[in-house]
Amino acid sequence: MRLKGRIALVTGGSRGIGRVIALALAHEGAKVAINYQSSEEAARDTARLIEKIGSSAFICKADVSSHADALTMRDAVTANLGVVDILVNNAGITSDKTFLKMTPEIWRKVLAINLDGVFNCTKVFLDGMLEKRWGRIVNITSVIGQIGSFGQANYAASKAGVMAMTKTLAKELARKGVTVNAVAPGFIETEMMETVPERAKERIIAHIPLGRFGRPEEVAGAVVFLVSSDGDYITGHQLSVNGGLYV
């Protein structure tokens, strides 16, 4: 129960890696707010799982690319759970096209959620952390932001931008009691990965030294480590959970 008494928010927490992160935080004693944009039933399922653990959960619909939505979400979470002191910026999307075929609309759509969303949520929840002089922010980036990927100029740019923001915020906020770190997953076994053809999966695994895809629980474990007392002296770091794909 390393996080007993803490209040966490996980954006994009209704399913996939976000859901597993939310559950891992609850297992350690945190009350958890689950942000979603469209998957309300999945968010309710996650909340029920958290309550079975014995912790408190609250679901909140918000488009993180909207600063106004982020403000409304902050007020709702504060009213229902209290002031957030652990923020996991996990919400993200892909919309893949080769650069020659990528339109300004596709570019902005991904940057708005993946990069602007981190700005908006960090901006509105930071004040509460500063008042407490304690806060933990973890941004979920990606190995794609480290190495690039064919057809993902928008996604790679957004995730690399989040890491640059992470380093800057870590320097600005360290003396105020707030650490800012990132976790960069590689290829993880999620619903999205299930849609990848078997032959393509084999080609990917051939480049992973550990010879397998990662599990969502392994990403969640990295997040818990960074927000618990075990990570108190770590800030501005990007923890890669990629099986050795990028070192």
Protein backbone atom coordinates (compact mmCIF):
# COMPACT_ATOMS: atom_id res chain seq x y z
CA MET A 1 0.00 0.00 0.00
CA ARG A 2 2.74 2.42 -1.01
CA LEU A 3 0.19 4.94 -2.31
CA LYS A 4 -2.35 4.90 0.50
CA GLY A 5 -3.91 8.34 0.88
CA ARG A 6 -2.89 9.45 -2.61
CA ILE A 7 -5.32 10.54 -5.32
CA ALA A 8 -4.46 9.68 -8.91
CA LEU A 9 -5.86 10.50 -12.33
CA VAL A 10 -5.14 8.35 -15.37
CA THR A 11 -6.11 9.88 -18.70
CA GLY A 12 -7.30 7.33 -21.22
CA GLY A 13 -7.74 5.00 -18.26
CA SER A 14 -10.78 3.05 -19.42
CA ARG A 15 -8.96 0.31 -21.32
CA GLY A 16 -5.63 -1.00 -22.54
CA ILE A 17 -2.48 0.12 -20.78
CA GLY A 18 -4.37 2.94 -19.05
CA ARG A 19 -6.76 0.51 -17.38
CA VAL A 20 -3.93 -1.65 -16.08
CA ILE A 21 -2.11 1.43 -14.74
CA ALA A 22 -5.27 2.54 -12.94
CA LEU A 23 -5.67 -0.90 -11.35
CA ALA A 24 -2.00 -1.01 -10.32
CA LEU A 25 -2.30 2.36 -8.58
CA ALA A 26 -5.45 1.18 -6.80
CA HIS A 27 -3.69 -1.99 -5.65
CA GLU A 28 -1.14 0.25 -3.95
CA GLY A 29 -3.89 2.13 -2.11
CA ALA A 30 -4.54 5.17 -4.30
CA LYS A 31 -7.99 6.51 -5.07
CA VAL A 32 -8.19 6.66 -8.85
CA ALA A 33 -10.01 8.90 -11.31
CA ILE A 34 -10.45 7.33 -14.74
CA ASN A 35 -10.64 9.71 -17.67
CA TYR A 36 -12.29 8.60 -20.91
CA GLN A 37 -13.57 10.29 -24.04
CA SER A 38 -15.95 7.75 -25.61
CA SER A 39 -15.68 4.39 -23.81
CA GLU A 40 -18.03 5.03 -20.89
CA GLU A 41 -18.93 1.39 -20.27
CA ALA A 42 -15.26 0.38 -20.31
CA ALA A 43 -14.55 3.18 -17.81
CA ARG A 44 -17.35 1.91 -15.56
CA ASP A 45 -15.91 -1.62 -15.78
CA THR A 46 -12.52 -0.30 -14.70
CA ALA A 47 -14.12 1.58 -11.81
CA ARG A 48 -15.90 -1.59 -10.68
CA LEU A 49 -12.63 -3.50 -10.71
CA ILE A 50 -11.00 -0.81 -8.59
CA GLU A 51 -13.85 -0.90 -6.10
CA LYS A 52 -13.49 -4.70 -5.85
CA ILE A 53 -9.88 -4.10 -4.83
CA GLY A 54 -11.24 -1.96 -1.99
CA SER A 55 -10.29 1.47 -3.27
CA SER A 56 -12.35 4.41 -4.53
CA ALA A 57 -12.86 5.22 -8.20
CA PHE A 58 -14.46 8.02 -10.20
CA ILE A 59 -14.98 8.17 -13.96
CA CYS A 60 -14.82 11.46 -15.83
CA LYS A 61 -15.50 12.13 -19.49
CA ALA A 62 -13.25 14.76 -21.07
CA ASP A 63 -11.50 15.50 -24.33
CA VAL A 64 -7.97 16.18 -23.10
CA SER A 65 -7.24 18.25 -26.21
CA SER A 66 -9.69 20.84 -24.84
CA HIS A 67 -8.41 23.08 -22.06
CA ALA A 68 -12.00 23.81 -21.03
CA ASP A 69 -12.74 20.08 -20.73
CA ALA A 70 -9.60 19.62 -18.64
CA LEU A 71 -10.73 22.36 -16.24
CA THR A 72 -14.18 20.80 -15.89
CA MET A 73 -12.59 17.40 -15.26
CA ARG A 74 -10.34 18.85 -12.56
CA ASP A 75 -13.31 20.35 -10.73
CA ALA A 76 -15.29 17.09 -10.93
CA VAL A 77 -12.40 14.92 -9.72
CA THR A 78 -11.58 17.31 -6.88
CA ALA A 79 -15.22 17.37 -5.76
CA ASN A 80 -15.52 13.57 -5.79
CA LEU A 81 -12.10 12.31 -4.71
CA GLY A 82 -10.02 15.30 -3.61
CA VAL A 83 -6.98 17.12 -4.96
CA VAL A 84 -5.02 15.03 -7.45
CA ASP A 85 -1.39 14.48 -6.52
CA ILE A 86 -0.54 11.74 -9.06
CA LEU A 87 -1.18 12.47 -12.74
CA VAL A 88 -0.59 9.86 -15.43
CA ASN A 89 -0.88 11.40 -18.90
CA ASN A 90 -1.68 8.24 -20.83
CA ALA A 91 -4.35 9.31 -23.36
CA GLY A 92 -3.11 8.97 -26.91
CA ILE A 93 -4.19 8.14 -30.45
CA THR A 94 -2.65 7.16 -33.77
CA SER A 95 -3.70 8.14 -37.28
CA ASP A 96 -1.10 6.74 -39.62
CA LYS A 97 -0.22 7.96 -43.10
CA THR A 98 3.03 8.34 -44.95
CA PHE A 99 4.17 11.94 -44.80
CA LEU A 100 3.36 12.51 -48.48
CA LYS A 101 -0.26 11.52 -47.82
CA MET A 102 -0.60 13.10 -44.38
CA THR A 103 -3.02 16.03 -44.29
CA PRO A 104 -2.81 18.98 -41.88
CA GLU A 105 -6.01 17.65 -40.27
CA ILE A 106 -4.47 14.23 -39.53
CA TRP A 107 -1.32 15.90 -38.20
CA ARG A 108 -3.24 18.20 -35.85
CA LYS A 109 -5.61 15.47 -34.66
CA VAL A 110 -2.76 13.41 -33.23
CA LEU A 111 -0.77 16.35 -31.87
CA ALA A 112 -3.92 17.76 -30.21
CA ILE A 113 -4.52 14.63 -28.11
CA ASN A 114 -0.99 13.36 -27.59
CA LEU A 115 0.85 16.63 -26.96
CA ASP A 116 -1.70 19.37 -26.26
CA GLY A 117 -3.51 16.92 -23.98
CA VAL A 118 -0.43 16.54 -21.79
CA PHE A 119 -0.11 20.32 -21.61
CA ASN A 120 -3.78 20.85 -20.73
CA CYS A 121 -3.99 18.20 -18.00
CA THR A 122 -0.65 19.09 -16.45
CA LYS A 123 -1.57 22.77 -16.48
CA VAL A 124 -4.88 22.35 -14.65
CA PHE A 125 -3.81 19.73 -12.11
CA LEU A 126 -0.44 21.25 -11.24
CA ASP A 127 -1.80 23.94 -8.93
CA GLY A 128 -3.06 21.36 -6.45
CA MET A 129 0.32 19.66 -6.37
CA LEU A 130 2.10 22.95 -5.80
CA GLU A 131 -0.18 23.75 -2.87
CA LYS A 132 0.70 20.40 -1.30
CA ARG A 133 4.35 20.75 -2.34
CA TRP A 134 4.12 17.13 -3.45
CA GLY A 135 3.21 15.72 -6.82
CA ARG A 136 4.08 12.98 -9.26
CA ILE A 137 3.55 13.32 -13.00
CA VAL A 138 4.23 10.43 -15.37
CA ASN A 139 3.84 10.91 -19.11
CA ILE A 140 3.40 7.85 -21.30
CA THR A 141 5.59 8.32 -24.36
CA SER A 142 6.63 5.56 -26.79
CA VAL A 143 9.58 3.82 -28.36
CA ILE A 144 8.28 5.33 -31.61
CA GLY A 145 9.19 8.76 -30.27
CA GLN A 146 12.73 7.47 -29.79
CA ILE A 147 13.33 5.66 -33.07
CA GLY A 148 10.62 6.88 -35.48
CA SER A 149 8.36 4.64 -37.54
CA PHE A 150 7.25 4.51 -41.16
CA GLY A 151 3.92 6.28 -41.58
CA GLN A 152 3.90 7.75 -38.09
CA ALA A 153 5.50 11.18 -38.40
CA ASN A 154 2.67 12.74 -36.38
CA TYR A 155 2.72 10.13 -33.61
CA ALA A 156 6.53 10.07 -33.35
CA ALA A 157 6.69 13.88 -33.21
CA SER A 158 4.02 14.02 -30.51
CA LYS A 159 5.74 11.47 -28.28
CA ALA A 160 9.18 13.03 -28.74
CA GLY A 161 7.60 16.38 -27.87
CA VAL A 162 6.15 14.94 -24.67
CA MET A 163 9.60 13.75 -23.61
CA ALA A 164 11.12 17.18 -24.25
CA MET A 165 8.33 18.70 -22.16
CA THR A 166 8.98 16.13 -19.43
CA LYS A 167 12.63 17.15 -19.14
CA THR A 168 11.79 20.83 -19.02
CA LEU A 169 9.04 20.47 -16.40
CA ALA A 170 11.31 18.27 -14.29
CA LYS A 171 13.82 21.13 -14.09
CA GLU A 172 11.17 23.75 -13.37
CA LEU A 173 9.24 21.83 -10.71
CA ALA A 174 11.85 19.84 -8.79
CA ARG A 175 12.30 22.45 -6.06
CA LYS A 176 8.53 22.64 -5.63
CA GLY A 177 8.23 18.98 -4.63
CA VAL A 178 6.93 17.71 -7.97
CA THR A 179 8.74 15.09 -10.04
CA VAL A 180 8.04 14.63 -13.74
CA ASN A 181 9.05 11.46 -15.55
CA ALA A 182 8.06 9.43 -18.59
CA VAL A 183 7.55 5.76 -19.39
CA ALA A 184 8.22 4.72 -22.98
CA PRO A 185 6.56 1.39 -23.84
CA GLY A 186 7.69 -0.66 -26.78
CA PHE A 187 5.33 -3.16 -28.42
CA ILE A 188 2.85 -4.21 -25.73
CA GLU A 189 0.15 -6.92 -25.81
CA THR A 190 -3.02 -4.83 -26.07
CA GLU A 191 -6.24 -4.97 -28.11
CA MET A 192 -4.49 -2.90 -30.77
CA MET A 193 -1.73 -5.48 -31.10
CA GLU A 194 -4.31 -8.24 -31.63
CA THR A 195 -5.23 -6.66 -34.98
CA VAL A 196 -1.66 -6.97 -36.30
CA PRO A 197 -1.19 -9.90 -38.73
CA GLU A 198 0.85 -12.82 -37.36
CA ARG A 199 3.56 -12.43 -39.99
CA ALA A 200 4.03 -8.78 -39.01
CA LYS A 201 4.20 -9.76 -35.33
CA GLU A 202 6.95 -12.26 -36.12
CA ARG A 203 8.98 -9.57 -37.89
CA ILE A 204 8.62 -7.23 -34.92
CA ILE A 205 9.60 -9.88 -32.37
CA ALA A 206 12.68 -10.71 -34.43
CA HIS A 207 14.01 -7.24 -33.54
CA ILE A 208 13.24 -7.47 -29.81
CA PRO A 209 16.20 -8.94 -27.87
CA LEU A 210 13.93 -10.43 -25.18
CA GLY A 211 12.00 -12.19 -27.92
CA ARG A 212 8.45 -11.26 -26.94
CA PHE A 213 5.99 -8.40 -26.63
CA GLY A 214 5.64 -6.63 -23.32
CA ARG A 215 2.69 -6.97 -20.97
CA PRO A 216 0.59 -4.00 -19.82
CA GLU A 217 1.40 -4.96 -16.22
CA GLU A 218 5.08 -4.33 -16.93
CA VAL A 219 4.32 -0.78 -18.05
CA ALA A 220 2.09 -0.25 -15.02
CA GLY A 221 4.86 -1.49 -12.73
CA ALA A 222 7.19 1.17 -14.09
CA VAL A 223 4.58 3.85 -13.40
CA VAL A 224 4.02 2.66 -9.83
CA PHE A 225 7.76 2.65 -9.23
CA LEU A 226 8.11 6.26 -10.37
CA VAL A 227 5.18 7.62 -8.33
CA SER A 228 5.96 5.69 -5.13
CA SER A 229 8.66 6.52 -2.59
CA ASP A 230 10.99 4.22 -4.56
CA GLY A 231 11.17 6.93 -7.23
CA ASP A 232 11.55 9.95 -4.97
CA TYR A 233 15.01 10.83 -6.31
CA ILE A 234 14.15 10.35 -9.98
CA THR A 235 12.94 13.19 -12.18
CA GLY A 236 13.33 14.08 -15.84
CA HIS A 237 13.86 10.42 -16.73
CA GLN A 238 12.36 8.33 -19.53
CA LEU A 239 12.06 4.70 -18.44
CA SER A 240 12.00 2.43 -21.48
CA VAL A 241 9.89 -0.72 -21.25
CA ASN A 242 10.69 -2.23 -24.63
CA GLY A 243 12.47 -5.56 -24.20
CA GLY A 244 15.72 -4.08 -25.50
CA LEU A 245 14.28 -2.91 -28.82
CA TYR A 246 15.88 0.50 -28.27
CA VAL A 247 18.77 0.96 -25.85
